[in-house]
Amino acid sequence: MTIRSEPATDPLTVPTVRSAEAGHCDRFRILVVCTGNLFRSPLAAGLLQQGLDEVAPGRFALDSAGTEGVAGVGVTDDVQSLAADWGFDLSEFRAKRLQPAHVTDADLVIGMERWHRSQVVTLEPRALRRTFTLREFARIIRSLSPSEDLTTRQRWENLVALAQRSRMPAPGGPDFDDVVDPHDDWDLLSPVMTDQMLPGVYEMVDWEYRNSSLGEA
């Protein structure tokens, strides 16, 4: 399936106007949301930033927040250690609670669970068309390709618009759109979290890698 540019009157294809009004720079901004902003969202955001910087340096800006995050709290040693194993540093990271401005300022919002997606939309209803869970978004974009001669921002705005139109139930059931929270038992649940999270992150990075050569890198 090929992403096509739509007339400017289609609200799904004019996020550039919203971005400009929000004071965006040229980078495509992705917000990752979980519950406490201490486990899943900083890890996923760090991985995405690292991967996207490798294939499109300076073109993406990642941020994260928690629907019940306590501002100023640092991640655990276990999370720092896993981040270090994956190649990035969370030692200076501090959690923050999700605010409407975080959602408004994002071009794409990625929740770790369906509940986070619903909380984002409750906070900012206009974000519905650009809010997905990680596993949902990765599953949808796998079969999507961009039109040629697009900048990175245009390519991803176009992708988000078409992903909204291409939403579908998870083949394995609704739970297959969620990434488990390892908060209650890190040793038991962190491997499950990793197995659920990494394919979605890799799918997003790989999508940019496959398609960046078609337009401005």
N, C-alpha and C. Protein backbone atom coordinates (compact mmCIF):
# COMPACT_ATOMS: atom_id res chain seq x y z
N MET A 1 0.85 -1.19 0.00
CA MET A 1 0.00 0.00 0.00
C MET A 1 0.88 1.24 0.00
N THR A 2 0.54 2.23 -0.78
CA THR A 2 1.35 3.43 -0.92
C THR A 2 0.65 4.62 -0.29
N ILE A 3 1.40 5.39 0.47
CA ILE A 3 0.85 6.60 1.06
C ILE A 3 0.75 7.67 -0.01
N ARG A 4 -0.40 8.28 -0.13
CA ARG A 4 -0.62 9.35 -1.10
C ARG A 4 -0.88 10.66 -0.39
N SER A 5 -0.42 11.74 -0.99
CA SER A 5 -0.72 13.05 -0.46
C SER A 5 -2.17 13.37 -0.72
N GLU A 6 -2.84 14.03 0.25
CA GLU A 6 -4.25 14.36 0.15
C GLU A 6 -4.42 15.88 0.08
N PRO A 7 -5.57 16.35 -0.37
CA PRO A 7 -5.82 17.78 -0.40
C PRO A 7 -5.74 18.37 0.99
N ALA A 8 -5.38 19.62 1.07
CA ALA A 8 -5.19 20.28 2.36
C ALA A 8 -6.47 20.36 3.16
N THR A 9 -7.63 20.13 2.54
CA THR A 9 -8.88 20.20 3.26
C THR A 9 -9.13 18.96 4.10
N ASP A 10 -8.35 17.89 3.90
CA ASP A 10 -8.49 16.67 4.68
C ASP A 10 -7.77 16.86 6.01
N PRO A 11 -8.49 16.85 7.17
CA PRO A 11 -7.83 17.13 8.44
C PRO A 11 -6.81 16.10 8.84
N LEU A 12 -6.84 14.91 8.22
CA LEU A 12 -5.86 13.90 8.56
C LEU A 12 -4.49 14.21 8.00
N THR A 13 -4.42 15.12 7.03
CA THR A 13 -3.16 15.31 6.34
C THR A 13 -2.62 16.73 6.50
N VAL A 14 -3.06 17.45 7.55
CA VAL A 14 -2.56 18.80 7.74
C VAL A 14 -1.90 18.99 9.11
N PRO A 15 -1.21 17.96 9.66
CA PRO A 15 -0.55 18.16 10.94
C PRO A 15 0.58 19.15 10.87
N THR A 16 1.09 19.46 9.67
CA THR A 16 2.14 20.46 9.56
C THR A 16 1.67 21.81 10.09
N VAL A 17 0.41 22.16 9.83
CA VAL A 17 -0.14 23.42 10.33
C VAL A 17 -0.19 23.40 11.84
N ARG A 18 -0.66 22.26 12.43
CA ARG A 18 -0.70 22.13 13.87
C ARG A 18 0.70 22.23 14.45
N SER A 19 1.67 21.60 13.80
CA SER A 19 3.04 21.63 14.29
C SER A 19 3.59 23.05 14.30
N ALA A 20 3.33 23.77 13.23
CA ALA A 20 3.84 25.14 13.14
C ALA A 20 3.24 26.00 14.24
N GLU A 21 1.93 25.81 14.50
CA GLU A 21 1.27 26.61 15.52
C GLU A 21 1.80 26.27 16.90
N ALA A 22 2.25 25.02 17.08
CA ALA A 22 2.78 24.61 18.38
C ALA A 22 4.24 25.01 18.56
N GLY A 23 4.82 25.67 17.56
CA GLY A 23 6.19 26.13 17.67
C GLY A 23 7.21 25.04 17.40
N HIS A 24 6.86 24.08 16.59
CA HIS A 24 7.76 22.97 16.30
C HIS A 24 8.98 23.41 15.51
N CYS A 25 10.09 22.76 15.74
CA CYS A 25 11.23 22.85 14.86
C CYS A 25 11.00 21.86 13.73
N ASP A 26 12.02 21.64 12.93
CA ASP A 26 11.85 20.77 11.77
C ASP A 26 11.87 19.29 12.14
N ARG A 27 12.23 18.96 13.37
CA ARG A 27 12.28 17.55 13.76
C ARG A 27 10.87 17.00 13.98
N PHE A 28 10.70 15.72 13.69
CA PHE A 28 9.43 15.05 13.94
C PHE A 28 9.44 14.59 15.39
N ARG A 29 8.44 15.00 16.15
CA ARG A 29 8.44 14.78 17.60
C ARG A 29 7.54 13.61 17.98
N ILE A 30 8.11 12.66 18.71
CA ILE A 30 7.40 11.47 19.15
C ILE A 30 7.38 11.45 20.68
N LEU A 31 6.20 11.34 21.25
CA LEU A 31 6.02 11.24 22.70
C LEU A 31 5.65 9.81 23.05
N VAL A 32 6.38 9.21 23.99
CA VAL A 32 6.11 7.85 24.45
C VAL A 32 5.54 7.93 25.86
N VAL A 33 4.43 7.22 26.08
CA VAL A 33 3.69 7.34 27.34
C VAL A 33 3.52 5.97 27.99
N CYS A 34 3.80 5.92 29.30
CA CYS A 34 3.43 4.75 30.09
C CYS A 34 2.78 5.25 31.38
N THR A 35 2.80 4.46 32.44
CA THR A 35 2.11 4.85 33.67
C THR A 35 2.96 5.76 34.53
N GLY A 36 4.12 5.27 34.98
CA GLY A 36 4.94 6.04 35.91
C GLY A 36 6.09 6.79 35.27
N ASN A 37 6.33 6.56 33.97
CA ASN A 37 7.47 7.16 33.26
C ASN A 37 8.79 6.76 33.90
N LEU A 38 8.83 5.51 34.37
CA LEU A 38 10.03 5.03 35.04
C LEU A 38 10.57 3.73 34.46
N PHE A 39 9.79 3.04 33.65
CA PHE A 39 10.22 1.76 33.11
C PHE A 39 10.09 1.76 31.58
N ARG A 40 8.88 1.52 31.11
CA ARG A 40 8.68 1.28 29.68
C ARG A 40 8.92 2.50 28.81
N SER A 41 8.34 3.64 29.15
CA SER A 41 8.44 4.78 28.23
C SER A 41 9.84 5.36 28.11
N PRO A 42 10.62 5.52 29.20
CA PRO A 42 12.00 6.00 28.98
C PRO A 42 12.86 5.02 28.21
N LEU A 43 12.64 3.71 28.42
CA LEU A 43 13.40 2.71 27.68
C LEU A 43 13.03 2.73 26.19
N ALA A 44 11.73 2.77 25.89
CA ALA A 44 11.31 2.79 24.49
C ALA A 44 11.73 4.08 23.80
N ALA A 45 11.58 5.21 24.49
CA ALA A 45 11.99 6.48 23.90
C ALA A 45 13.49 6.53 23.65
N GLY A 46 14.27 6.01 24.59
CA GLY A 46 15.71 5.98 24.40
C GLY A 46 16.13 5.10 23.23
N LEU A 47 15.50 3.95 23.11
CA LEU A 47 15.79 3.06 22.00
C LEU A 47 15.41 3.68 20.66
N LEU A 48 14.24 4.30 20.62
CA LEU A 48 13.80 4.93 19.38
C LEU A 48 14.72 6.08 19.00
N GLN A 49 15.10 6.91 19.97
CA GLN A 49 16.00 8.02 19.67
C GLN A 49 17.32 7.51 19.13
N GLN A 50 17.85 6.47 19.78
CA GLN A 50 19.12 5.91 19.35
C GLN A 50 19.04 5.34 17.94
N GLY A 51 18.00 4.57 17.66
CA GLY A 51 17.86 3.94 16.35
C GLY A 51 17.58 4.94 15.24
N LEU A 52 16.69 5.88 15.51
CA LEU A 52 16.36 6.87 14.48
C LEU A 52 17.51 7.82 14.22
N ASP A 53 18.31 8.12 15.26
CA ASP A 53 19.48 8.96 15.05
C ASP A 53 20.50 8.28 14.15
N GLU A 54 20.53 6.96 14.17
CA GLU A 54 21.47 6.25 13.31
C GLU A 54 21.07 6.32 11.84
N VAL A 55 19.77 6.30 11.56
CA VAL A 55 19.33 6.29 10.16
C VAL A 55 18.94 7.68 9.66
N ALA A 56 18.60 8.60 10.57
CA ALA A 56 18.20 9.95 10.16
C ALA A 56 18.64 10.94 11.23
N PRO A 57 19.95 11.20 11.32
CA PRO A 57 20.47 12.05 12.39
C PRO A 57 19.81 13.43 12.43
N GLY A 58 19.36 13.82 13.61
CA GLY A 58 18.81 15.15 13.81
C GLY A 58 17.40 15.35 13.31
N ARG A 59 16.74 14.30 12.82
CA ARG A 59 15.41 14.45 12.22
C ARG A 59 14.28 14.11 13.18
N PHE A 60 14.59 13.48 14.31
CA PHE A 60 13.55 13.06 15.26
C PHE A 60 13.91 13.54 16.66
N ALA A 61 12.86 13.87 17.43
CA ALA A 61 13.03 14.23 18.83
C ALA A 61 12.07 13.39 19.66
N LEU A 62 12.62 12.59 20.57
CA LEU A 62 11.82 11.71 21.43
C LEU A 62 11.67 12.31 22.81
N ASP A 63 10.50 12.10 23.39
CA ASP A 63 10.24 12.50 24.77
C ASP A 63 9.35 11.44 25.39
N SER A 64 9.23 11.45 26.70
CA SER A 64 8.37 10.48 27.37
C SER A 64 7.72 11.12 28.59
N ALA A 65 6.61 10.53 29.02
CA ALA A 65 5.87 11.02 30.18
C ALA A 65 5.02 9.89 30.72
N GLY A 66 4.51 10.06 31.95
CA GLY A 66 3.67 9.03 32.56
C GLY A 66 2.32 9.56 32.95
N THR A 67 1.30 8.76 32.75
CA THR A 67 -0.06 9.19 33.11
C THR A 67 -0.19 9.37 34.62
N GLU A 68 0.65 8.67 35.40
CA GLU A 68 0.66 8.83 36.85
C GLU A 68 2.09 9.09 37.33
N GLY A 69 2.89 9.68 36.46
CA GLY A 69 4.28 9.92 36.79
C GLY A 69 4.46 10.92 37.92
N VAL A 70 5.49 10.69 38.73
CA VAL A 70 5.84 11.61 39.81
C VAL A 70 7.07 12.39 39.35
N ALA A 71 6.90 13.67 39.15
CA ALA A 71 7.96 14.50 38.58
C ALA A 71 9.22 14.45 39.42
N GLY A 72 10.35 14.27 38.72
CA GLY A 72 11.65 14.35 39.37
C GLY A 72 12.23 13.05 39.85
N VAL A 73 11.47 11.96 39.74
CA VAL A 73 11.97 10.66 40.22
C VAL A 73 12.85 10.02 39.15
N GLY A 74 13.95 9.44 39.57
CA GLY A 74 14.85 8.76 38.65
C GLY A 74 14.48 7.30 38.46
N VAL A 75 15.00 6.69 37.41
CA VAL A 75 14.72 5.28 37.15
C VAL A 75 15.54 4.41 38.10
N THR A 76 15.15 3.16 38.23
CA THR A 76 15.85 2.23 39.12
C THR A 76 17.19 1.81 38.52
N ASP A 77 18.02 1.20 39.36
CA ASP A 77 19.30 0.68 38.87
C ASP A 77 19.09 -0.37 37.79
N ASP A 78 18.04 -1.18 37.94
CA ASP A 78 17.75 -2.20 36.93
C ASP A 78 17.47 -1.58 35.57
N VAL A 79 16.69 -0.51 35.56
CA VAL A 79 16.37 0.16 34.30
C VAL A 79 17.61 0.82 33.73
N GLN A 80 18.40 1.47 34.58
CA GLN A 80 19.65 2.07 34.11
C GLN A 80 20.57 1.02 33.49
N SER A 81 20.64 -0.13 34.13
CA SER A 81 21.51 -1.20 33.64
C SER A 81 21.03 -1.73 32.29
N LEU A 82 19.72 -1.90 32.14
CA LEU A 82 19.20 -2.38 30.86
C LEU A 82 19.43 -1.35 29.77
N ALA A 83 19.21 -0.08 30.08
CA ALA A 83 19.47 0.98 29.10
C ALA A 83 20.93 0.97 28.67
N ALA A 84 21.82 0.80 29.64
CA ALA A 84 23.26 0.75 29.31
C ALA A 84 23.57 -0.43 28.41
N ASP A 85 22.93 -1.57 28.69
CA ASP A 85 23.12 -2.74 27.82
C ASP A 85 22.66 -2.45 26.40
N TRP A 86 21.63 -1.62 26.28
CA TRP A 86 21.09 -1.28 24.97
C TRP A 86 21.81 -0.10 24.32
N GLY A 87 22.75 0.52 25.05
CA GLY A 87 23.60 1.52 24.42
C GLY A 87 23.27 2.96 24.70
N PHE A 88 22.43 3.24 25.69
CA PHE A 88 22.17 4.65 26.02
C PHE A 88 22.08 4.82 27.53
N ASP A 89 22.12 6.07 27.98
CA ASP A 89 22.28 6.40 29.40
C ASP A 89 21.00 7.02 29.96
N LEU A 90 20.47 6.45 31.03
CA LEU A 90 19.30 7.02 31.71
C LEU A 90 19.64 7.48 33.13
N SER A 91 20.92 7.62 33.44
CA SER A 91 21.31 7.97 34.81
C SER A 91 20.82 9.36 35.21
N GLU A 92 20.68 10.25 34.26
CA GLU A 92 20.21 11.61 34.56
C GLU A 92 18.73 11.79 34.25
N PHE A 93 18.07 10.75 33.83
CA PHE A 93 16.66 10.86 33.48
C PHE A 93 15.81 11.12 34.72
N ARG A 94 14.79 11.98 34.57
CA ARG A 94 13.84 12.24 35.63
C ARG A 94 12.43 12.18 35.06
N ALA A 95 11.57 11.46 35.76
CA ALA A 95 10.20 11.25 35.29
C ALA A 95 9.41 12.57 35.30
N LYS A 96 8.37 12.59 34.48
CA LYS A 96 7.44 13.70 34.52
C LYS A 96 6.03 13.19 34.27
N ARG A 97 5.06 13.92 34.79
CA ARG A 97 3.66 13.55 34.63
C ARG A 97 3.12 14.14 33.34
N LEU A 98 2.34 13.34 32.65
CA LEU A 98 1.78 13.76 31.37
C LEU A 98 0.90 14.98 31.54
N GLN A 99 1.16 15.99 30.70
CA GLN A 99 0.39 17.23 30.68
C GLN A 99 -0.15 17.46 29.27
N PRO A 100 -1.25 18.24 29.15
CA PRO A 100 -1.79 18.51 27.81
C PRO A 100 -0.75 19.06 26.85
N ALA A 101 0.17 19.90 27.34
CA ALA A 101 1.17 20.50 26.46
C ALA A 101 2.09 19.45 25.85
N HIS A 102 2.37 18.37 26.59
CA HIS A 102 3.21 17.31 26.03
C HIS A 102 2.53 16.68 24.82
N VAL A 103 1.22 16.48 24.91
CA VAL A 103 0.47 15.87 23.81
C VAL A 103 0.36 16.83 22.64
N THR A 104 0.03 18.08 22.94
CA THR A 104 -0.13 19.08 21.89
C THR A 104 1.14 19.25 21.09
N ASP A 105 2.27 19.14 21.76
CA ASP A 105 3.56 19.39 21.11
C ASP A 105 4.08 18.20 20.31
N ALA A 106 3.38 17.06 20.37
CA ALA A 106 3.87 15.85 19.71
C ALA A 106 3.20 15.63 18.36
N ASP A 107 3.99 15.18 17.40
CA ASP A 107 3.46 14.80 16.09
C ASP A 107 2.89 13.39 16.10
N LEU A 108 3.39 12.55 17.00
CA LEU A 108 2.95 11.17 17.15
C LEU A 108 3.06 10.81 18.62
N VAL A 109 1.99 10.20 19.17
CA VAL A 109 2.00 9.77 20.56
C VAL A 109 1.91 8.25 20.59
N ILE A 110 2.84 7.63 21.30
CA ILE A 110 2.92 6.17 21.39
C ILE A 110 2.72 5.75 22.84
N GLY A 111 1.64 5.02 23.11
CA GLY A 111 1.39 4.49 24.44
C GLY A 111 1.91 3.07 24.57
N MET A 112 2.23 2.68 25.78
CA MET A 112 2.67 1.31 26.01
C MET A 112 1.49 0.35 26.14
N GLU A 113 0.32 0.87 26.51
CA GLU A 113 -0.88 0.06 26.61
C GLU A 113 -2.05 0.82 26.01
N ARG A 114 -3.14 0.10 25.75
CA ARG A 114 -4.36 0.74 25.25
C ARG A 114 -4.89 1.76 26.27
N TRP A 115 -4.69 1.48 27.55
CA TRP A 115 -5.14 2.41 28.58
C TRP A 115 -4.42 3.75 28.47
N HIS A 116 -3.13 3.72 28.18
CA HIS A 116 -2.38 4.97 28.01
C HIS A 116 -2.89 5.73 26.80
N ARG A 117 -3.20 5.02 25.74
CA ARG A 117 -3.77 5.66 24.54
C ARG A 117 -5.06 6.37 24.90
N SER A 118 -5.92 5.72 25.66
CA SER A 118 -7.19 6.33 26.02
C SER A 118 -6.99 7.52 26.95
N GLN A 119 -6.01 7.46 27.84
CA GLN A 119 -5.74 8.58 28.74
C GLN A 119 -5.23 9.79 27.97
N VAL A 120 -4.40 9.56 26.98
CA VAL A 120 -3.91 10.66 26.14
C VAL A 120 -5.07 11.34 25.43
N VAL A 121 -5.96 10.55 24.86
CA VAL A 121 -7.10 11.10 24.10
C VAL A 121 -8.08 11.80 25.04
N THR A 122 -8.25 11.30 26.26
CA THR A 122 -9.09 11.97 27.24
C THR A 122 -8.51 13.34 27.59
N LEU A 123 -7.20 13.39 27.72
CA LEU A 123 -6.52 14.64 28.06
C LEU A 123 -6.57 15.63 26.91
N GLU A 124 -6.42 15.13 25.67
CA GLU A 124 -6.40 15.98 24.48
C GLU A 124 -7.13 15.24 23.36
N PRO A 125 -8.47 15.41 23.25
CA PRO A 125 -9.25 14.66 22.27
C PRO A 125 -8.77 14.80 20.83
N ARG A 126 -8.18 15.93 20.49
CA ARG A 126 -7.72 16.14 19.11
C ARG A 126 -6.52 15.27 18.75
N ALA A 127 -5.94 14.62 19.76
CA ALA A 127 -4.78 13.75 19.52
C ALA A 127 -5.19 12.35 19.08
N LEU A 128 -6.49 12.07 18.99
CA LEU A 128 -6.94 10.72 18.66
C LEU A 128 -6.28 10.19 17.40
N ARG A 129 -6.20 11.00 16.35
CA ARG A 129 -5.71 10.53 15.06
C ARG A 129 -4.21 10.31 15.02
N ARG A 130 -3.49 10.73 16.02
CA ARG A 130 -2.04 10.54 16.04
C ARG A 130 -1.57 9.82 17.29
N THR A 131 -2.48 9.07 17.92
CA THR A 131 -2.14 8.33 19.13
C THR A 131 -2.40 6.84 18.93
N PHE A 132 -1.39 6.03 19.20
CA PHE A 132 -1.44 4.59 19.01
C PHE A 132 -0.70 3.92 20.16
N THR A 133 -0.87 2.62 20.31
CA THR A 133 0.08 1.89 21.15
C THR A 133 1.28 1.53 20.27
N LEU A 134 2.39 1.22 20.93
CA LEU A 134 3.61 0.87 20.20
C LEU A 134 3.38 -0.31 19.28
N ARG A 135 2.82 -1.37 19.83
CA ARG A 135 2.66 -2.59 19.04
C ARG A 135 1.60 -2.40 17.95
N GLU A 136 0.59 -1.60 18.22
CA GLU A 136 -0.43 -1.30 17.21
C GLU A 136 0.19 -0.54 16.04
N PHE A 137 0.93 0.52 16.33
CA PHE A 137 1.51 1.34 15.28
C PHE A 137 2.49 0.53 14.43
N ALA A 138 3.33 -0.26 15.10
CA ALA A 138 4.30 -1.08 14.36
C ALA A 138 3.60 -2.08 13.45
N ARG A 139 2.53 -2.67 13.94
CA ARG A 139 1.79 -3.65 13.14
C ARG A 139 1.16 -3.00 11.91
N ILE A 140 0.64 -1.79 12.08
CA ILE A 140 -0.02 -1.10 10.97
C ILE A 140 0.97 -0.66 9.90
N ILE A 141 2.10 -0.07 10.32
CA ILE A 141 2.99 0.55 9.34
C ILE A 141 3.82 -0.47 8.57
N ARG A 142 3.81 -1.72 9.01
CA ARG A 142 4.65 -2.73 8.37
C ARG A 142 4.38 -2.83 6.87
N SER A 143 3.12 -2.63 6.46
CA SER A 143 2.75 -2.78 5.05
C SER A 143 2.62 -1.46 4.32
N LEU A 144 2.96 -0.34 4.98
CA LEU A 144 2.78 0.98 4.37
C LEU A 144 4.08 1.51 3.80
N SER A 145 3.98 2.19 2.67
CA SER A 145 5.14 2.81 2.02
C SER A 145 4.80 4.24 1.66
N PRO A 146 5.79 5.13 1.69
CA PRO A 146 5.50 6.55 1.42
C PRO A 146 5.55 6.87 -0.07
N SER A 147 4.96 8.01 -0.40
CA SER A 147 5.20 8.58 -1.72
C SER A 147 6.65 9.06 -1.78
N GLU A 148 7.16 9.24 -2.97
CA GLU A 148 8.53 9.72 -3.12
C GLU A 148 8.60 11.24 -2.97
N ASP A 149 9.83 11.73 -2.85
CA ASP A 149 10.11 13.17 -2.82
C ASP A 149 9.45 13.86 -1.64
N LEU A 150 9.50 13.23 -0.47
CA LEU A 150 9.00 13.84 0.75
C LEU A 150 10.16 14.06 1.71
N THR A 151 10.09 15.12 2.50
CA THR A 151 11.05 15.30 3.58
C THR A 151 10.73 14.30 4.68
N THR A 152 11.62 14.16 5.64
CA THR A 152 11.38 13.25 6.76
C THR A 152 10.09 13.61 7.47
N ARG A 153 9.89 14.89 7.79
CA ARG A 153 8.67 15.32 8.48
C ARG A 153 7.44 15.01 7.64
N GLN A 154 7.46 15.34 6.36
CA GLN A 154 6.31 15.06 5.50
C GLN A 154 6.02 13.56 5.42
N ARG A 155 7.09 12.77 5.33
CA ARG A 155 6.93 11.32 5.22
C ARG A 155 6.24 10.75 6.45
N TRP A 156 6.62 11.21 7.65
CA TRP A 156 6.04 10.67 8.86
C TRP A 156 4.66 11.26 9.15
N GLU A 157 4.43 12.50 8.81
CA GLU A 157 3.08 13.05 8.94
C GLU A 157 2.12 12.27 8.03
N ASN A 158 2.59 11.98 6.83
CA ASN A 158 1.81 11.21 5.88
C ASN A 158 1.56 9.80 6.42
N LEU A 159 2.60 9.20 7.02
CA LEU A 159 2.48 7.86 7.58
C LEU A 159 1.45 7.82 8.71
N VAL A 160 1.52 8.78 9.62
CA VAL A 160 0.58 8.82 10.75
C VAL A 160 -0.85 8.97 10.24
N ALA A 161 -1.07 9.82 9.23
CA ALA A 161 -2.40 10.00 8.68
C ALA A 161 -2.95 8.70 8.10
N LEU A 162 -2.13 7.98 7.36
CA LEU A 162 -2.59 6.74 6.77
C LEU A 162 -2.73 5.64 7.82
N ALA A 163 -1.86 5.63 8.83
CA ALA A 163 -1.98 4.65 9.90
C ALA A 163 -3.31 4.78 10.61
N GLN A 164 -3.76 6.02 10.81
CA GLN A 164 -5.07 6.24 11.42
C GLN A 164 -6.17 5.61 10.57
N ARG A 165 -6.08 5.75 9.28
CA ARG A 165 -7.09 5.18 8.40
C ARG A 165 -7.01 3.66 8.32
N SER A 166 -5.85 3.11 8.70
CA SER A 166 -5.61 1.68 8.54
C SER A 166 -5.70 0.92 9.86
N ARG A 167 -6.25 1.54 10.89
CA ARG A 167 -6.37 0.85 12.18
C ARG A 167 -7.15 -0.45 12.00
N MET A 168 -6.71 -1.46 12.76
CA MET A 168 -7.35 -2.77 12.68
C MET A 168 -7.16 -3.48 14.01
N PRO A 169 -8.06 -4.39 14.37
CA PRO A 169 -7.87 -5.14 15.63
C PRO A 169 -6.63 -6.01 15.56
N ALA A 170 -5.98 -6.18 16.70
CA ALA A 170 -4.82 -7.07 16.76
C ALA A 170 -5.26 -8.50 16.48
N PRO A 171 -4.57 -9.21 15.58
CA PRO A 171 -4.98 -10.58 15.23
C PRO A 171 -5.08 -11.51 16.43
N GLY A 172 -4.23 -11.33 17.43
CA GLY A 172 -4.25 -12.21 18.59
C GLY A 172 -5.17 -11.77 19.70
N GLY A 173 -5.90 -10.67 19.49
CA GLY A 173 -6.76 -10.13 20.53
C GLY A 173 -6.22 -8.82 21.05
N PRO A 174 -7.04 -8.05 21.78
CA PRO A 174 -6.65 -6.70 22.24
C PRO A 174 -5.36 -6.67 23.05
N ASP A 175 -5.12 -7.71 23.86
CA ASP A 175 -3.92 -7.70 24.70
C ASP A 175 -2.63 -7.66 23.90
N PHE A 176 -2.69 -8.05 22.65
CA PHE A 176 -1.49 -8.06 21.81
C PHE A 176 -1.08 -6.66 21.37
N ASP A 177 -1.83 -5.65 21.76
CA ASP A 177 -1.43 -4.27 21.50
C ASP A 177 -0.74 -3.64 22.70
N ASP A 178 -0.58 -4.38 23.79
CA ASP A 178 0.00 -3.85 25.02
C ASP A 178 1.42 -4.37 25.27
N VAL A 179 2.20 -3.56 26.00
CA VAL A 179 3.50 -3.97 26.53
C VAL A 179 3.37 -4.06 28.04
N VAL A 180 3.73 -5.20 28.62
CA VAL A 180 3.51 -5.45 30.04
C VAL A 180 4.33 -4.49 30.90
N ASP A 181 3.78 -4.12 32.04
CA ASP A 181 4.47 -3.27 33.01
C ASP A 181 5.31 -4.14 33.93
N PRO A 182 6.64 -3.94 33.99
CA PRO A 182 7.50 -4.79 34.84
C PRO A 182 7.61 -4.29 36.28
N HIS A 183 6.82 -3.28 36.64
CA HIS A 183 6.96 -2.62 37.94
C HIS A 183 6.83 -3.60 39.11
N ASP A 184 5.87 -4.52 39.04
CA ASP A 184 5.59 -5.38 40.19
C ASP A 184 6.63 -6.47 40.41
N ASP A 185 7.25 -6.93 39.33
CA ASP A 185 8.26 -8.00 39.46
C ASP A 185 9.25 -7.87 38.30
N TRP A 186 10.28 -7.07 38.49
CA TRP A 186 11.22 -6.79 37.41
C TRP A 186 11.88 -8.05 36.87
N ASP A 187 12.35 -8.91 37.76
CA ASP A 187 13.07 -10.11 37.30
C ASP A 187 12.18 -11.00 36.44
N LEU A 188 10.92 -11.12 36.81
CA LEU A 188 10.00 -11.98 36.07
C LEU A 188 9.48 -11.32 34.81
N LEU A 189 9.14 -10.02 34.91
CA LEU A 189 8.39 -9.37 33.83
C LEU A 189 9.25 -8.57 32.85
N SER A 190 10.47 -8.20 33.23
CA SER A 190 11.28 -7.40 32.31
C SER A 190 11.62 -8.17 31.02
N PRO A 191 11.86 -9.49 31.07
CA PRO A 191 12.08 -10.19 29.79
C PRO A 191 10.84 -10.19 28.90
N VAL A 192 9.65 -10.27 29.53
CA VAL A 192 8.41 -10.20 28.76
C VAL A 192 8.26 -8.82 28.13
N MET A 193 8.50 -7.78 28.93
CA MET A 193 8.46 -6.42 28.42
C MET A 193 9.40 -6.25 27.22
N THR A 194 10.61 -6.77 27.36
CA THR A 194 11.59 -6.65 26.29
C THR A 194 11.11 -7.35 25.02
N ASP A 195 10.59 -8.56 25.18
CA ASP A 195 10.11 -9.30 24.01
C ASP A 195 8.95 -8.60 23.31
N GLN A 196 8.14 -7.89 24.07
CA GLN A 196 6.98 -7.19 23.50
C GLN A 196 7.38 -5.83 22.93
N MET A 197 8.35 -5.18 23.53
CA MET A 197 8.73 -3.83 23.15
C MET A 197 9.66 -3.76 21.95
N LEU A 198 10.70 -4.59 21.95
CA LEU A 198 11.75 -4.45 20.95
C LEU A 198 11.25 -4.58 19.51
N PRO A 199 10.38 -5.54 19.18
CA PRO A 199 9.93 -5.62 17.78
C PRO A 199 9.24 -4.36 17.30
N GLY A 200 8.46 -3.71 18.17
CA GLY A 200 7.79 -2.48 17.77
C GLY A 200 8.77 -1.34 17.51
N VAL A 201 9.76 -1.21 18.40
CA VAL A 201 10.78 -0.18 18.20
C VAL A 201 11.56 -0.44 16.92
N TYR A 202 11.98 -1.68 16.72
CA TYR A 202 12.75 -2.02 15.53
C TYR A 202 11.93 -1.79 14.25
N GLU A 203 10.63 -2.07 14.32
CA GLU A 203 9.79 -1.87 13.15
C GLU A 203 9.74 -0.40 12.75
N MET A 204 9.64 0.50 13.73
CA MET A 204 9.60 1.93 13.44
C MET A 204 10.93 2.41 12.86
N VAL A 205 12.03 1.97 13.47
CA VAL A 205 13.35 2.37 12.96
C VAL A 205 13.57 1.80 11.58
N ASP A 206 13.21 0.55 11.39
CA ASP A 206 13.41 -0.09 10.10
C ASP A 206 12.56 0.55 9.02
N TRP A 207 11.37 1.02 9.38
CA TRP A 207 10.51 1.69 8.40
C TRP A 207 11.21 2.95 7.87
N GLU A 208 11.81 3.71 8.78
CA GLU A 208 12.54 4.91 8.34
C GLU A 208 13.76 4.52 7.52
N TYR A 209 14.46 3.48 7.92
CA TYR A 209 15.63 3.03 7.18
C TYR A 209 15.26 2.63 5.75
N ARG A 210 14.17 1.90 5.60
CA ARG A 210 13.75 1.42 4.27
C ARG A 210 13.31 2.56 3.38
N ASN A 211 12.74 3.59 3.96
CA ASN A 211 12.06 4.61 3.16
C ASN A 211 12.75 5.96 3.09
N SER A 212 13.78 6.18 3.91
CA SER A 212 14.42 7.49 3.93
C SER A 212 15.13 7.80 2.63
N SER A 213 15.54 6.78 1.89
CA SER A 213 16.24 7.02 0.62
C SER A 213 15.33 7.56 -0.47
N LEU A 214 13.99 7.50 -0.22
CA LEU A 214 13.06 7.97 -1.24
C LEU A 214 12.88 9.47 -1.23
N GLY A 215 13.29 10.10 -0.13
CA GLY A 215 13.14 11.55 -0.05
C GLY A 215 14.33 12.15 0.68
N GLU A 216 14.12 13.22 1.40
CA GLU A 216 15.19 13.87 2.15
C GLU A 216 15.50 13.01 3.35
N ALA A 217 16.77 12.65 3.56
CA ALA A 217 17.15 11.78 4.68
C ALA A 217 17.06 12.52 5.99
